[in-house]
């Protein structure tokens, strides 16, 4: 039987924070400023940034469960923007679920 690791360590959180920051940096806007699509992207990225900030806050407080949830939400917002073709994931199928 395979042993399941069901703990959330600081190292695991740092790993996912790093992945999300890489994704946020790598993905680039597809549409120009002033378009409806760019405005939608701005909303999604604000959510991603807010959840990333929340993850850091919870991690500092030692609440690794909420930190883990928040960083996964953050990454999901970025991933959704790639899937909706508001961001270009530049073919990176490790950081993103590509269209």
N, C-alpha and C. Protein backbone atom coordinates (compact mmCIF):
# COMPACT_ATOMS: atom_id res chain seq x y z
N UNK A 1 0.84 -1.17 0.00
CA UNK A 1 0.00 0.00 0.00
C UNK A 1 0.89 1.25 0.00
N UNK A 2 0.53 2.24 -0.79
CA UNK A 2 1.28 3.48 -0.89
C UNK A 2 0.98 4.38 0.31
N UNK A 3 2.04 4.90 0.88
CA UNK A 3 1.88 5.82 2.01
C UNK A 3 1.51 7.21 1.47
N UNK A 4 0.47 7.78 2.02
CA UNK A 4 0.01 9.10 1.60
C UNK A 4 0.53 10.15 2.57
N UNK A 5 1.14 11.19 2.01
CA UNK A 5 1.61 12.31 2.82
C UNK A 5 0.49 13.34 2.85
N UNK A 6 -0.17 13.46 3.98
CA UNK A 6 -1.30 14.38 4.07
C UNK A 6 -1.00 15.56 4.99
N UNK A 7 0.26 15.96 5.04
CA UNK A 7 0.62 17.13 5.84
C UNK A 7 1.00 18.28 4.92
N UNK A 8 0.77 19.45 5.40
CA UNK A 8 1.15 20.65 4.66
C UNK A 8 2.31 21.28 5.42
N UNK A 9 3.48 21.15 4.86
CA UNK A 9 4.68 21.70 5.48
C UNK A 9 4.99 23.08 4.92
N UNK A 10 5.86 23.77 5.60
CA UNK A 10 6.32 25.07 5.11
C UNK A 10 6.99 24.91 3.74
N UNK A 11 7.74 23.85 3.58
CA UNK A 11 8.42 23.60 2.31
C UNK A 11 7.42 23.40 1.17
N UNK A 12 6.36 22.65 1.47
CA UNK A 12 5.34 22.43 0.45
C UNK A 12 4.65 23.75 0.08
N UNK A 13 4.34 24.54 1.07
CA UNK A 13 3.73 25.85 0.80
C UNK A 13 4.66 26.73 -0.03
N UNK A 14 5.93 26.75 0.35
CA UNK A 14 6.89 27.57 -0.40
C UNK A 14 7.00 27.09 -1.85
N UNK A 15 6.93 25.78 -2.06
CA UNK A 15 6.95 25.22 -3.41
C UNK A 15 5.78 25.76 -4.25
N UNK A 16 4.58 25.71 -3.67
CA UNK A 16 3.40 26.17 -4.41
C UNK A 16 3.37 27.69 -4.57
N UNK A 17 3.86 28.41 -3.60
CA UNK A 17 3.98 29.86 -3.75
C UNK A 17 4.93 30.19 -4.90
N UNK A 18 6.04 29.47 -4.98
CA UNK A 18 7.01 29.68 -6.06
C UNK A 18 6.39 29.37 -7.41
N UNK A 19 5.68 28.24 -7.52
CA UNK A 19 5.03 27.89 -8.79
C UNK A 19 4.03 28.96 -9.23
N UNK A 20 3.25 29.45 -8.29
CA UNK A 20 2.25 30.46 -8.63
C UNK A 20 2.91 31.77 -9.05
N UNK A 21 3.98 32.14 -8.37
CA UNK A 21 4.71 33.36 -8.76
C UNK A 21 5.34 33.19 -10.14
N UNK A 22 5.85 31.99 -10.43
CA UNK A 22 6.39 31.72 -11.77
C UNK A 22 5.30 31.85 -12.83
N UNK A 23 4.14 31.28 -12.54
CA UNK A 23 3.03 31.34 -13.48
C UNK A 23 2.59 32.78 -13.71
N UNK A 24 2.51 33.55 -12.64
CA UNK A 24 2.08 34.95 -12.74
C UNK A 24 3.07 35.75 -13.59
N UNK A 25 4.35 35.44 -13.44
CA UNK A 25 5.39 36.16 -14.18
C UNK A 25 5.46 35.72 -15.65
N UNK A 26 5.27 34.43 -15.89
CA UNK A 26 5.45 33.89 -17.23
C UNK A 26 4.31 34.25 -18.19
N UNK A 27 3.10 34.17 -17.70
CA UNK A 27 1.93 34.41 -18.56
C UNK A 27 1.85 35.89 -18.92
N UNK A 28 1.52 36.15 -20.17
CA UNK A 28 1.41 37.53 -20.63
C UNK A 28 0.04 37.78 -21.27
N UNK A 29 -0.39 39.02 -21.18
CA UNK A 29 -1.69 39.40 -21.72
C UNK A 29 -1.72 39.20 -23.23
N UNK A 30 -2.84 38.71 -23.71
CA UNK A 30 -3.03 38.51 -25.14
C UNK A 30 -3.68 39.74 -25.77
N UNK A 31 -4.55 40.39 -25.04
CA UNK A 31 -5.31 41.52 -25.57
C UNK A 31 -4.73 42.84 -25.06
N UNK A 32 -4.93 43.88 -25.85
CA UNK A 32 -4.38 45.19 -25.52
C UNK A 32 -5.19 45.89 -24.44
N UNK A 33 -4.51 46.78 -23.72
CA UNK A 33 -5.21 47.60 -22.73
C UNK A 33 -6.35 48.35 -23.41
N UNK A 34 -7.42 48.55 -22.67
CA UNK A 34 -8.57 49.25 -23.20
C UNK A 34 -9.62 48.35 -23.83
N UNK A 35 -9.30 47.07 -23.99
CA UNK A 35 -10.29 46.14 -24.54
C UNK A 35 -11.08 45.52 -23.40
N UNK A 36 -12.24 45.00 -23.74
CA UNK A 36 -13.08 44.31 -22.76
C UNK A 36 -12.34 43.12 -22.17
N UNK A 37 -11.62 42.39 -23.02
CA UNK A 37 -10.87 41.23 -22.56
C UNK A 37 -9.77 41.61 -21.57
N UNK A 38 -9.10 42.70 -21.82
CA UNK A 38 -8.05 43.15 -20.90
C UNK A 38 -8.65 43.55 -19.56
N UNK A 39 -9.80 44.18 -19.60
CA UNK A 39 -10.48 44.55 -18.35
C UNK A 39 -10.87 43.30 -17.56
N UNK A 40 -11.35 42.26 -18.24
CA UNK A 40 -11.68 41.01 -17.56
C UNK A 40 -10.41 40.38 -16.96
N UNK A 41 -9.33 40.42 -17.72
CA UNK A 41 -8.05 39.89 -17.24
C UNK A 41 -7.60 40.62 -15.98
N UNK A 42 -7.77 41.91 -15.95
CA UNK A 42 -7.38 42.71 -14.79
C UNK A 42 -8.11 42.23 -13.54
N UNK A 43 -9.38 41.91 -13.67
CA UNK A 43 -10.16 41.40 -12.54
C UNK A 43 -9.60 40.05 -12.07
N UNK A 44 -9.34 39.15 -13.02
CA UNK A 44 -8.81 37.83 -12.66
C UNK A 44 -7.45 37.94 -12.00
N UNK A 45 -6.59 38.80 -12.50
CA UNK A 45 -5.24 38.92 -11.94
C UNK A 45 -5.27 39.59 -10.57
N UNK A 46 -6.21 40.48 -10.37
CA UNK A 46 -6.37 41.08 -9.03
C UNK A 46 -6.76 39.99 -8.02
N UNK A 47 -7.65 39.10 -8.43
CA UNK A 47 -8.03 38.00 -7.55
C UNK A 47 -6.82 37.10 -7.26
N UNK A 48 -6.05 36.79 -8.30
CA UNK A 48 -4.85 35.96 -8.11
C UNK A 48 -3.88 36.63 -7.15
N UNK A 49 -3.66 37.92 -7.33
CA UNK A 49 -2.73 38.65 -6.46
C UNK A 49 -3.25 38.72 -5.02
N UNK A 50 -4.53 38.94 -4.87
CA UNK A 50 -5.11 38.99 -3.52
C UNK A 50 -4.99 37.65 -2.81
N UNK A 51 -5.28 36.56 -3.51
CA UNK A 51 -5.17 35.24 -2.90
C UNK A 51 -3.71 34.89 -2.60
N UNK A 52 -2.78 35.32 -3.44
CA UNK A 52 -1.36 35.09 -3.17
C UNK A 52 -0.96 35.83 -1.90
N UNK A 53 -1.43 37.05 -1.77
CA UNK A 53 -1.16 37.83 -0.56
C UNK A 53 -1.76 37.15 0.66
N UNK A 54 -2.99 36.67 0.53
CA UNK A 54 -3.64 35.95 1.63
C UNK A 54 -2.84 34.72 2.03
N UNK A 55 -2.32 34.00 1.05
CA UNK A 55 -1.53 32.80 1.34
C UNK A 55 -0.32 33.16 2.19
N UNK A 56 0.36 34.24 1.83
CA UNK A 56 1.51 34.69 2.62
C UNK A 56 1.12 35.07 4.04
N UNK A 57 0.00 35.75 4.15
CA UNK A 57 -0.49 36.15 5.47
C UNK A 57 -0.79 34.93 6.34
N UNK A 58 -1.54 33.98 5.79
CA UNK A 58 -1.89 32.78 6.55
C UNK A 58 -0.64 31.97 6.90
N UNK A 59 0.30 31.92 5.99
CA UNK A 59 1.53 31.18 6.25
C UNK A 59 2.30 31.81 7.42
N UNK A 60 2.38 33.13 7.41
CA UNK A 60 3.06 33.83 8.52
C UNK A 60 2.39 33.55 9.86
N UNK A 61 1.08 33.39 9.85
CA UNK A 61 0.33 33.12 11.07
C UNK A 61 0.38 31.64 11.47
N UNK A 62 0.99 30.81 10.62
CA UNK A 62 1.07 29.38 10.93
C UNK A 62 -0.16 28.60 10.52
N UNK A 63 -1.07 29.23 9.79
CA UNK A 63 -2.30 28.57 9.34
C UNK A 63 -2.05 28.00 7.94
N UNK A 64 -1.37 26.85 7.92
CA UNK A 64 -0.95 26.27 6.65
C UNK A 64 -2.11 25.73 5.82
N UNK A 65 -3.18 25.35 6.48
CA UNK A 65 -4.36 24.87 5.74
C UNK A 65 -4.94 25.99 4.89
N UNK A 66 -5.19 27.14 5.50
CA UNK A 66 -5.74 28.27 4.74
C UNK A 66 -4.73 28.80 3.73
N UNK A 67 -3.46 28.79 4.07
CA UNK A 67 -2.43 29.24 3.13
C UNK A 67 -2.42 28.36 1.89
N UNK A 68 -2.52 27.05 2.11
CA UNK A 68 -2.53 26.11 0.99
C UNK A 68 -3.76 26.33 0.11
N UNK A 69 -4.89 26.52 0.73
CA UNK A 69 -6.11 26.80 -0.03
C UNK A 69 -6.00 28.08 -0.83
N UNK A 70 -5.47 29.12 -0.19
CA UNK A 70 -5.37 30.42 -0.86
C UNK A 70 -4.42 30.37 -2.05
N UNK A 71 -3.28 29.71 -1.90
CA UNK A 71 -2.34 29.69 -3.03
C UNK A 71 -2.89 28.86 -4.18
N UNK A 72 -3.66 27.84 -3.87
CA UNK A 72 -4.29 27.07 -4.95
C UNK A 72 -5.37 27.88 -5.66
N UNK A 73 -6.11 28.68 -4.92
CA UNK A 73 -7.08 29.58 -5.55
C UNK A 73 -6.35 30.58 -6.44
N UNK A 74 -5.26 31.13 -5.95
CA UNK A 74 -4.49 32.11 -6.73
C UNK A 74 -4.06 31.51 -8.07
N UNK A 75 -3.50 30.32 -8.00
CA UNK A 75 -3.03 29.68 -9.22
C UNK A 75 -4.20 29.37 -10.16
N UNK A 76 -5.33 29.00 -9.58
CA UNK A 76 -6.51 28.71 -10.40
C UNK A 76 -6.99 29.93 -11.18
N UNK A 77 -6.92 31.12 -10.57
CA UNK A 77 -7.31 32.34 -11.28
C UNK A 77 -6.40 32.57 -12.48
N UNK A 78 -5.10 32.36 -12.30
CA UNK A 78 -4.15 32.53 -13.40
C UNK A 78 -4.42 31.49 -14.48
N UNK A 79 -4.60 30.26 -14.05
CA UNK A 79 -4.86 29.17 -14.98
C UNK A 79 -6.15 29.41 -15.77
N UNK A 80 -7.15 29.94 -15.10
CA UNK A 80 -8.41 30.25 -15.79
C UNK A 80 -8.19 31.30 -16.87
N UNK A 81 -7.37 32.29 -16.58
CA UNK A 81 -7.10 33.34 -17.58
C UNK A 81 -6.38 32.75 -18.79
N UNK A 82 -5.51 31.79 -18.58
CA UNK A 82 -4.85 31.11 -19.70
C UNK A 82 -5.88 30.29 -20.47
N UNK A 83 -6.69 29.54 -19.76
CA UNK A 83 -7.70 28.70 -20.40
C UNK A 83 -8.70 29.52 -21.21
N UNK A 84 -9.03 30.70 -20.71
CA UNK A 84 -9.98 31.58 -21.40
C UNK A 84 -9.33 32.41 -22.50
N UNK A 85 -8.03 32.20 -22.68
CA UNK A 85 -7.24 32.91 -23.71
C UNK A 85 -7.19 34.41 -23.48
N UNK A 86 -7.11 34.76 -22.21
CA UNK A 86 -6.85 36.14 -21.83
C UNK A 86 -5.36 36.32 -21.56
N UNK A 87 -4.70 35.23 -21.16
CA UNK A 87 -3.25 35.19 -20.96
C UNK A 87 -2.65 34.14 -21.88
N UNK A 88 -1.43 34.39 -22.32
CA UNK A 88 -0.67 33.42 -23.08
C UNK A 88 0.23 32.66 -22.11
N UNK A 89 0.07 31.36 -22.03
CA UNK A 89 0.89 30.52 -21.16
C UNK A 89 2.18 30.07 -21.82
N UNK A 90 2.41 30.50 -23.06
CA UNK A 90 3.65 30.23 -23.79
C UNK A 90 3.98 28.74 -23.84
N UNK A 91 2.93 27.92 -23.99
CA UNK A 91 3.11 26.49 -24.18
C UNK A 91 3.55 25.71 -22.95
N UNK A 92 3.55 26.35 -21.79
CA UNK A 92 4.01 25.69 -20.57
C UNK A 92 2.88 24.87 -19.96
N UNK A 93 2.90 23.56 -20.23
CA UNK A 93 1.84 22.70 -19.72
C UNK A 93 2.15 22.15 -18.34
N UNK A 94 3.21 22.63 -17.72
CA UNK A 94 3.47 22.28 -16.32
C UNK A 94 2.90 23.35 -15.37
N UNK A 95 2.93 24.59 -15.79
CA UNK A 95 2.37 25.66 -14.98
C UNK A 95 0.90 25.92 -15.25
N UNK A 96 0.44 25.53 -16.44
CA UNK A 96 -0.91 25.88 -16.85
C UNK A 96 -1.65 24.70 -17.47
N UNK A 97 -2.98 24.77 -17.41
CA UNK A 97 -3.83 23.89 -18.19
C UNK A 97 -4.06 24.62 -19.49
N UNK A 98 -3.41 24.20 -20.53
CA UNK A 98 -3.45 24.96 -21.79
C UNK A 98 -4.75 24.71 -22.54
N UNK A 99 -5.17 25.75 -23.31
CA UNK A 99 -6.39 25.60 -24.11
C UNK A 99 -6.29 24.47 -25.11
